[in-house]
Structures are given as structure tokens and as C-alpha cells.
């Protein structure tokens, strides 16, 4: 049995507990001793981060061999036409090699809190939202993929990792789930309670 903490990491918060430059960290949001993040989320990205004190669980969640799908809501600048979506679905070639195919679709603007500070907007340039699911995790991969097809990312929110979803957590909030089976054998998470720091 292990405890897993689901946290909605706000924009401009580091995915670690300390920083020597005075930036916001996880220590500002959750005070549970001995836990660590299973994977990372960029400083300028938002959304789901999983934390636990169970090293084996961290390995099963974050190791690319286990191929936990990660789903993102991505606000992009420009019009995502059929050729751009097809390129993302087939995989694009970045400077560190070709990506695996992604699942991608255009979605309506999601019902999420506004970002602070807000994204930059240009009156003559439209923006759209994509839902993008990957099974790999390179550095800043989503941003590099959308830029490659001419759709710069303005806002990036991770909403799911494997079976775990961000549902119901406002930025800075977290909840604990108790796991009674290995990640590979689990079908659905079992929430216990929701907390706000």
C-alpha cells in the first residue's frame, strides 16, 4: 500500500522543494515529509504532478519503459489545420530525433482558471486549444512539437498521467490517493480526500 499525492502545479512553480534563487517551489504548496515528484513539469507549465515517498512507485510511473500516457491541454497560436494535426499524429523530427506518434484533437477552450499572469495575446492572431497525448517525455517536448508545425504554445496544462486526472483540483490544491495494487495492475484510482495548502 502506498500514498500518492496529486497536485495541480501552478504556473511559475518549480517541480522541486528547494531553490536557491527564491522561486516558488512545491514546498509552498504541500507539506508532506519525504515525498518526491514522479517526473517533472516545466516551470512555465501547469497541471498534474504526482508525488510519493515510494521509490518503486516513482520508478513505475516515470520510467519511459512503462509508457504511462500523459495528456495535455495546449493553447496554441495560429490555426491548427489538417496538415499540422496529421504531422503531430504521425510524429515529427526534432533536433534530438523523431517523436513517437501523438494523439491530438482540437477542443473547445477548457473550463480552467485563468493563468496569472495571463498569456500574451495579439489581436490579429487567433488561438486554439488542442488535447495532446504522448507516451514519451522529452525536455519541453510538447512545446517543441507544436512549434515544429507552426503552432507556438502559449499555455500548457497537463491534465492526466496514466489513470490519474487533474479533475477537481484548482491550482495549488492537492489530494491523496491510497494505492493497494501495483500501477500496472490498477484500473482506477481510489481518492481519499482533497486538501488545499
C-alpha atoms as a PDB file:
ATOM      1  CA  UNK A   1       0.000   0.000   0.000  1.00  0.00           C
ATOM      2  CA  UNK A   2       1.357   3.428  -0.984  1.00  0.00           C
ATOM      3  CA  UNK A   3       0.172   7.006  -0.782  1.00  0.00           C
ATOM      4  CA  UNK A   4       0.180   9.047  -3.958  1.00  0.00           C
ATOM      5  CA  UNK A   5      -0.383  12.798  -3.924  1.00  0.00           C
ATOM      6  CA  UNK A   6      -1.933  14.508  -6.936  1.00  0.00           C
ATOM      7  CA  UNK A   7      -1.008  18.189  -7.125  1.00  0.00           C
ATOM      8  CA  UNK A   8      -2.102  20.906  -9.530  1.00  0.00           C
ATOM      9  CA  UNK A   9       1.189  22.744 -10.049  1.00  0.00           C
ATOM     10  CA  UNK A  10       0.639  26.428 -10.799  1.00  0.00           C
ATOM     11  CA  UNK A  11       2.438  28.423 -13.481  1.00  0.00           C
ATOM     12  CA  UNK A  12       5.937  29.556 -12.490  1.00  0.00           C
ATOM     13  CA  UNK A  13       6.390  26.974  -9.737  1.00  0.00           C
ATOM     14  CA  UNK A  14       9.345  24.572  -9.775  1.00  0.00           C
ATOM     15  CA  UNK A  15       8.740  20.807  -9.652  1.00  0.00           C
ATOM     16  CA  UNK A  16      11.079  20.524  -6.642  1.00  0.00           C
ATOM     17  CA  UNK A  17      11.082  21.504  -2.986  1.00  0.00           C
ATOM     18  CA  UNK A  18      14.062  23.886  -2.840  1.00  0.00           C
ATOM     19  CA  UNK A  19      15.513  26.662  -4.940  1.00  0.00           C
ATOM     20  CA  UNK A  20      18.494  28.941  -4.318  1.00  0.00           C
ATOM     21  CA  UNK A  21      17.041  31.715  -6.491  1.00  0.00           C
ATOM     22  CA  UNK A  22      13.908  32.374  -4.451  1.00  0.00           C
ATOM     23  CA  UNK A  23      11.416  30.996  -6.962  1.00  0.00           C
ATOM     24  CA  UNK A  24       8.171  29.294  -5.892  1.00  0.00           C
ATOM     25  CA  UNK A  25       8.581  25.565  -5.184  1.00  0.00           C
ATOM     26  CA  UNK A  26       6.457  22.595  -4.146  1.00  0.00           C
ATOM     27  CA  UNK A  27       7.295  23.421  -0.512  1.00  0.00           C
ATOM     28  CA  UNK A  28       4.978  26.415  -0.863  1.00  0.00           C
ATOM     29  CA  UNK A  29       2.076  24.099  -1.700  1.00  0.00           C
ATOM     30  CA  UNK A  30       2.373  20.774   0.122  1.00  0.00           C
ATOM     31  CA  UNK A  31       3.964  19.931   3.487  1.00  0.00           C
ATOM     32  CA  UNK A  32       4.316  16.147   3.497  1.00  0.00           C
ATOM     33  CA  UNK A  33       7.773  14.958   4.599  1.00  0.00           C
ATOM     34  CA  UNK A  34       9.748  12.555   2.458  1.00  0.00           C
ATOM     35  CA  UNK A  35       7.801  12.797  -0.791  1.00  0.00           C
ATOM     36  CA  UNK A  36       9.267  13.396  -4.234  1.00  0.00           C
ATOM     37  CA  UNK A  37       7.837  14.110  -7.671  1.00  0.00           C
ATOM     38  CA  UNK A  38       7.441  11.191 -10.070  1.00  0.00           C
ATOM     39  CA  UNK A  39       8.638  13.071 -13.131  1.00  0.00           C
ATOM     40  CA  UNK A  40       8.744  16.786 -13.754  1.00  0.00           C
ATOM     41  CA  UNK A  41       6.700  19.598 -15.211  1.00  0.00           C
ATOM     42  CA  UNK A  42       8.380  22.697 -16.625  1.00  0.00           C
ATOM     43  CA  UNK A  43       8.494  25.908 -14.599  1.00  0.00           C
ATOM     44  CA  UNK A  44       6.245  27.638 -17.133  1.00  0.00           C
ATOM     45  CA  UNK A  45       3.808  24.718 -17.480  1.00  0.00           C
ATOM     46  CA  UNK A  46       0.857  23.924 -15.234  1.00  0.00           C
ATOM     47  CA  UNK A  47      -1.149  20.944 -14.112  1.00  0.00           C
ATOM     48  CA  UNK A  48      -0.872  17.439 -12.759  1.00  0.00           C
ATOM     49  CA  UNK A  49       2.203  16.404 -10.805  1.00  0.00           C
ATOM     50  CA  UNK A  50       2.359  13.087  -8.933  1.00  0.00           C
ATOM     51  CA  UNK A  51       4.318  12.807  -5.663  1.00  0.00           C
ATOM     52  CA  UNK A  52       5.039   9.900  -3.338  1.00  0.00           C
ATOM     53  CA  UNK A  53       7.541   8.583  -0.802  1.00  0.00           C
ATOM     54  CA  UNK A  54       7.555   5.169  -2.541  1.00  0.00           C
ATOM     55  CA  UNK A  55      10.670   4.942  -4.719  1.00  0.00           C
ATOM     56  CA  UNK A  56       9.385   1.885  -6.559  1.00  0.00           C
ATOM     57  CA  UNK A  57       6.171   3.678  -7.409  1.00  0.00           C
ATOM     58  CA  UNK A  58       8.122   6.688  -8.692  1.00  0.00           C
ATOM     59  CA  UNK A  59      10.058   4.337 -10.966  1.00  0.00           C
ATOM     60  CA  UNK A  60       6.903   2.636 -12.283  1.00  0.00           C
ATOM     61  CA  UNK A  61       5.250   5.976 -13.025  1.00  0.00           C
ATOM     62  CA  UNK A  62       8.176   7.878 -14.519  1.00  0.00           C
ATOM     63  CA  UNK A  63      10.208   5.197 -16.326  1.00  0.00           C
ATOM     64  CA  UNK A  64       9.583   5.517 -20.106  1.00  0.00           C
ATOM     65  CA  UNK A  65       9.543   1.709 -20.405  1.00  0.00           C
ATOM     66  CA  UNK A  66       6.148   1.686 -18.667  1.00  0.00           C
ATOM     67  CA  UNK A  67       4.763   4.139 -21.255  1.00  0.00           C
ATOM     68  CA  UNK A  68       2.321   5.961 -18.987  1.00  0.00           C
ATOM     69  CA  UNK A  69       0.376   8.228 -21.375  1.00  0.00           C
ATOM     70  CA  UNK A  70       0.428  11.917 -20.485  1.00  0.00           C
ATOM     71  CA  UNK A  71      -2.385  14.174 -21.684  1.00  0.00           C
ATOM     72  CA  UNK A  72      -2.078  17.935 -22.078  1.00  0.00           C
ATOM     73  CA  UNK A  73      -4.387  20.811 -22.924  1.00  0.00           C
ATOM     74  CA  UNK A  74      -2.363  23.151 -25.100  1.00  0.00           C
ATOM     75  CA  UNK A  75      -3.325  26.670 -26.134  1.00  0.00           C
ATOM     76  CA  UNK A  76      -1.537  27.422 -29.385  1.00  0.00           C
ATOM     77  CA  UNK A  77      -1.126  30.487 -31.542  1.00  0.00           C
ATOM     78  CA  UNK A  78      -2.435  30.092 -35.074  1.00  0.00           C
ATOM     79  CA  UNK A  79      -4.856  27.761 -36.860  1.00  0.00           C
ATOM     80  CA  UNK A  80      -4.298  24.013 -36.397  1.00  0.00           C
ATOM     81  CA  UNK A  81      -5.067  22.846 -39.923  1.00  0.00           C
ATOM     82  CA  UNK A  82      -5.273  19.249 -41.124  1.00  0.00           C
ATOM     83  CA  UNK A  83      -1.622  19.055 -42.171  1.00  0.00           C
ATOM     84  CA  UNK A  84      -0.367  20.245 -38.753  1.00  0.00           C
ATOM     85  CA  UNK A  85      -2.579  17.775 -36.908  1.00  0.00           C
ATOM     86  CA  UNK A  86      -1.531  14.958 -39.237  1.00  0.00           C
ATOM     87  CA  UNK A  87       2.151  15.730 -38.637  1.00  0.00           C
ATOM     88  CA  UNK A  88       1.659  15.560 -34.857  1.00  0.00           C
ATOM     89  CA  UNK A  89      -0.269  12.286 -35.174  1.00  0.00           C
ATOM     90  CA  UNK A  90       2.459  10.737 -37.309  1.00  0.00           C
ATOM     91  CA  UNK A  91       5.378  12.117 -35.270  1.00  0.00           C
ATOM     92  CA  UNK A  92       7.728  14.966 -36.111  1.00  0.00           C
ATOM     93  CA  UNK A  93      11.516  15.128 -36.322  1.00  0.00           C
ATOM     94  CA  UNK A  94      13.029  17.336 -33.616  1.00  0.00           C
ATOM     95  CA  UNK A  95      16.699  18.162 -33.096  1.00  0.00           C
ATOM     96  CA  UNK A  96      17.020  15.113 -30.802  1.00  0.00           C
ATOM     97  CA  UNK A  97      15.318  12.742 -33.232  1.00  0.00           C
ATOM     98  CA  UNK A  98      11.836  11.716 -34.349  1.00  0.00           C
ATOM     99  CA  UNK A  99       8.977  11.689 -31.847  1.00  0.00           C
ATOM    100  CA  UNK A 100       6.517   8.883 -31.429  1.00  0.00           C
ATOM    101  CA  UNK A 101       3.062   9.472 -32.894  1.00  0.00           C
ATOM    102  CA  UNK A 102       0.787  11.524 -30.647  1.00  0.00           C
ATOM    103  CA  UNK A 103      -2.950  11.523 -30.189  1.00  0.00           C
ATOM    104  CA  UNK A 104      -4.219  15.038 -30.912  1.00  0.00           C
ATOM    105  CA  UNK A 105      -7.544  16.777 -31.433  1.00  0.00           C
ATOM    106  CA  UNK A 106      -8.852  20.314 -31.417  1.00  0.00           C
ATOM    107  CA  UNK A 107     -11.007  21.043 -28.353  1.00  0.00           C
ATOM    108  CA  UNK A 108     -13.179  23.891 -27.116  1.00  0.00           C
ATOM    109  CA  UNK A 109     -11.494  26.231 -24.617  1.00  0.00           C
ATOM    110  CA  UNK A 110     -11.476  24.195 -21.381  1.00  0.00           C
ATOM    111  CA  UNK A 111     -13.130  25.398 -18.186  1.00  0.00           C
ATOM    112  CA  UNK A 112      -9.957  26.103 -16.225  1.00  0.00           C
ATOM    113  CA  UNK A 113      -8.962  29.082 -14.067  1.00  0.00           C
ATOM    114  CA  UNK A 114      -7.173  31.938 -15.832  1.00  0.00           C
ATOM    115  CA  UNK A 115      -3.417  31.933 -15.624  1.00  0.00           C
ATOM    116  CA  UNK A 116      -1.574  34.521 -13.528  1.00  0.00           C
ATOM    117  CA  UNK A 117      -0.031  36.364 -15.235  1.00  0.00           C
ATOM    118  CA  UNK A 118      -2.244  35.864 -18.318  1.00  0.00           C
ATOM    119  CA  UNK A 119      -0.857  34.753 -21.669  1.00  0.00           C
ATOM    120  CA  UNK A 120       0.182  37.389 -24.179  1.00  0.00           C
ATOM    121  CA  UNK A 121      -2.488  37.953 -26.801  1.00  0.00           C
ATOM    122  CA  UNK A 122      -2.182  39.508 -30.229  1.00  0.00           C
ATOM    123  CA  UNK A 123      -5.487  40.850 -31.584  1.00  0.00           C
ATOM    124  CA  UNK A 124      -4.885  39.698 -35.174  1.00  0.00           C
ATOM    125  CA  UNK A 125      -3.565  36.236 -34.311  1.00  0.00           C
ATOM    126  CA  UNK A 126      -6.134  33.573 -33.374  1.00  0.00           C
ATOM    127  CA  UNK A 127      -5.544  30.968 -30.686  1.00  0.00           C
ATOM    128  CA  UNK A 128      -6.929  27.444 -30.368  1.00  0.00           C
ATOM    129  CA  UNK A 129      -6.807  24.619 -27.831  1.00  0.00           C
ATOM    130  CA  UNK A 130      -5.511  21.127 -28.529  1.00  0.00           C
ATOM    131  CA  UNK A 131      -5.678  17.970 -26.448  1.00  0.00           C
ATOM    132  CA  UNK A 132      -2.394  16.122 -26.959  1.00  0.00           C
ATOM    133  CA  UNK A 133      -1.455  12.712 -25.528  1.00  0.00           C
ATOM    134  CA  UNK A 134       2.143  11.447 -25.560  1.00  0.00           C
ATOM    135  CA  UNK A 135       3.801   8.217 -24.458  1.00  0.00           C
ATOM    136  CA  UNK A 136       7.276   9.691 -24.110  1.00  0.00           C
ATOM    137  CA  UNK A 137       8.670  12.600 -22.132  1.00  0.00           C
ATOM    138  CA  UNK A 138      11.499  14.591 -23.638  1.00  0.00           C
ATOM    139  CA  UNK A 139      12.506  18.022 -22.407  1.00  0.00           C
ATOM    140  CA  UNK A 140       9.856  20.596 -23.406  1.00  0.00           C
ATOM    141  CA  UNK A 141       8.549  18.122 -25.953  1.00  0.00           C
ATOM    142  CA  UNK A 142       5.006  19.432 -26.365  1.00  0.00           C
ATOM    143  CA  UNK A 143       6.219  22.986 -26.934  1.00  0.00           C
ATOM    144  CA  UNK A 144       8.830  21.841 -29.437  1.00  0.00           C
ATOM    145  CA  UNK A 145       6.327  19.666 -31.325  1.00  0.00           C
ATOM    146  CA  UNK A 146       3.712  22.394 -31.701  1.00  0.00           C
ATOM    147  CA  UNK A 147       6.368  24.949 -32.706  1.00  0.00           C
ATOM    148  CA  UNK A 148       7.655  22.499 -35.327  1.00  0.00           C
ATOM    149  CA  UNK A 149       4.253  22.509 -37.061  1.00  0.00           C
ATOM    150  CA  UNK A 150       3.900  26.310 -36.846  1.00  0.00           C
ATOM    151  CA  UNK A 151       1.721  26.460 -33.715  1.00  0.00           C
ATOM    152  CA  UNK A 152       3.674  28.086 -30.860  1.00  0.00           C
ATOM    153  CA  UNK A 153       2.427  27.056 -27.418  1.00  0.00           C
ATOM    154  CA  UNK A 154       1.023  29.873 -25.285  1.00  0.00           C
ATOM    155  CA  UNK A 155      -0.281  27.833 -22.348  1.00  0.00           C
ATOM    156  CA  UNK A 156       0.335  24.208 -21.384  1.00  0.00           C
ATOM    157  CA  UNK A 157      -1.681  22.302 -18.770  1.00  0.00           C
ATOM    158  CA  UNK A 158      -1.082  18.606 -18.030  1.00  0.00           C
ATOM    159  CA  UNK A 159      -4.431  17.035 -17.171  1.00  0.00           C
ATOM    160  CA  UNK A 160      -3.630  13.322 -16.889  1.00  0.00           C
ATOM    161  CA  UNK A 161      -0.822  10.832 -16.271  1.00  0.00           C
ATOM    162  CA  UNK A 162      -1.917   7.259 -16.905  1.00  0.00           C
ATOM    163  CA  UNK A 163      -5.158   6.701 -14.925  1.00  0.00           C
ATOM    164  CA  UNK A 164      -4.714   9.801 -12.750  1.00  0.00           C
ATOM    165  CA  UNK A 165      -6.502  13.019 -13.691  1.00  0.00           C
ATOM    166  CA  UNK A 166      -6.418  16.609 -12.537  1.00  0.00           C
ATOM    167  CA  UNK A 167     -10.218  16.670 -12.134  1.00  0.00           C
ATOM    168  CA  UNK A 168     -11.454  18.912  -9.326  1.00  0.00           C
ATOM    169  CA  UNK A 169      -8.102  20.390  -8.280  1.00  0.00           C
ATOM    170  CA  UNK A 170      -7.619  24.148  -8.513  1.00  0.00           C
ATOM    171  CA  UNK A 171      -4.063  25.493  -8.986  1.00  0.00           C
ATOM    172  CA  UNK A 172      -2.094  24.850  -5.790  1.00  0.00           C
ATOM    173  CA  UNK A 173      -4.527  22.198  -4.483  1.00  0.00           C
ATOM    174  CA  UNK A 174      -3.712  18.543  -3.908  1.00  0.00           C
ATOM    175  CA  UNK A 175      -5.368  15.302  -2.875  1.00  0.00           C
ATOM    176  CA  UNK A 176      -4.134  11.940  -1.596  1.00  0.00           C
ATOM    177  CA  UNK A 177      -4.909   8.539  -3.073  1.00  0.00           C
ATOM    178  CA  UNK A 178      -4.095   5.213  -1.444  1.00  0.00           C
ATOM    179  CA  UNK A 179      -2.852   2.568  -3.864  1.00  0.00           C
ATOM    180  CA  UNK A 180      -3.469  -1.081  -2.984  1.00  0.00           C
ATOM    181  CA  UNK A 181      -2.037  -2.639  -6.151  1.00  0.00           C
ATOM    182  CA  UNK A 182       0.935  -2.043  -8.472  1.00  0.00           C
ATOM    183  CA  UNK A 183       0.453   0.668 -11.080  1.00  0.00           C
ATOM    184  CA  UNK A 184       0.395  -1.820 -13.964  1.00  0.00           C
ATOM    185  CA  UNK A 185      -2.475  -3.752 -12.345  1.00  0.00           C
ATOM    186  CA  UNK A 186      -4.627  -0.775 -11.399  1.00  0.00           C
ATOM    187  CA  UNK A 187      -7.793   0.054 -13.280  1.00  0.00           C
ATOM    188  CA  UNK A 188      -8.949   3.192 -11.479  1.00  0.00           C
ATOM    189  CA  UNK A 189      -7.610   5.443  -8.717  1.00  0.00           C
ATOM    190  CA  UNK A 190      -9.177   5.486  -5.279  1.00  0.00           C
ATOM    191  CA  UNK A 191      -9.352   9.038  -3.921  1.00  0.00           C
ATOM    192  CA  UNK A 192      -9.355   9.629  -0.188  1.00  0.00           C
ATOM    193  CA  UNK A 193      -9.645  13.348   0.386  1.00  0.00           C
ATOM    194  CA  UNK A 194      -8.904  16.707  -1.156  1.00  0.00           C
ATOM    195  CA  UNK A 195      -6.792  19.360   0.535  1.00  0.00           C
ATOM    196  CA  UNK A 196      -5.747  22.909  -0.032  1.00  0.00           C
ATOM    197  CA  UNK A 197      -2.475  24.160   1.396  1.00  0.00           C
END
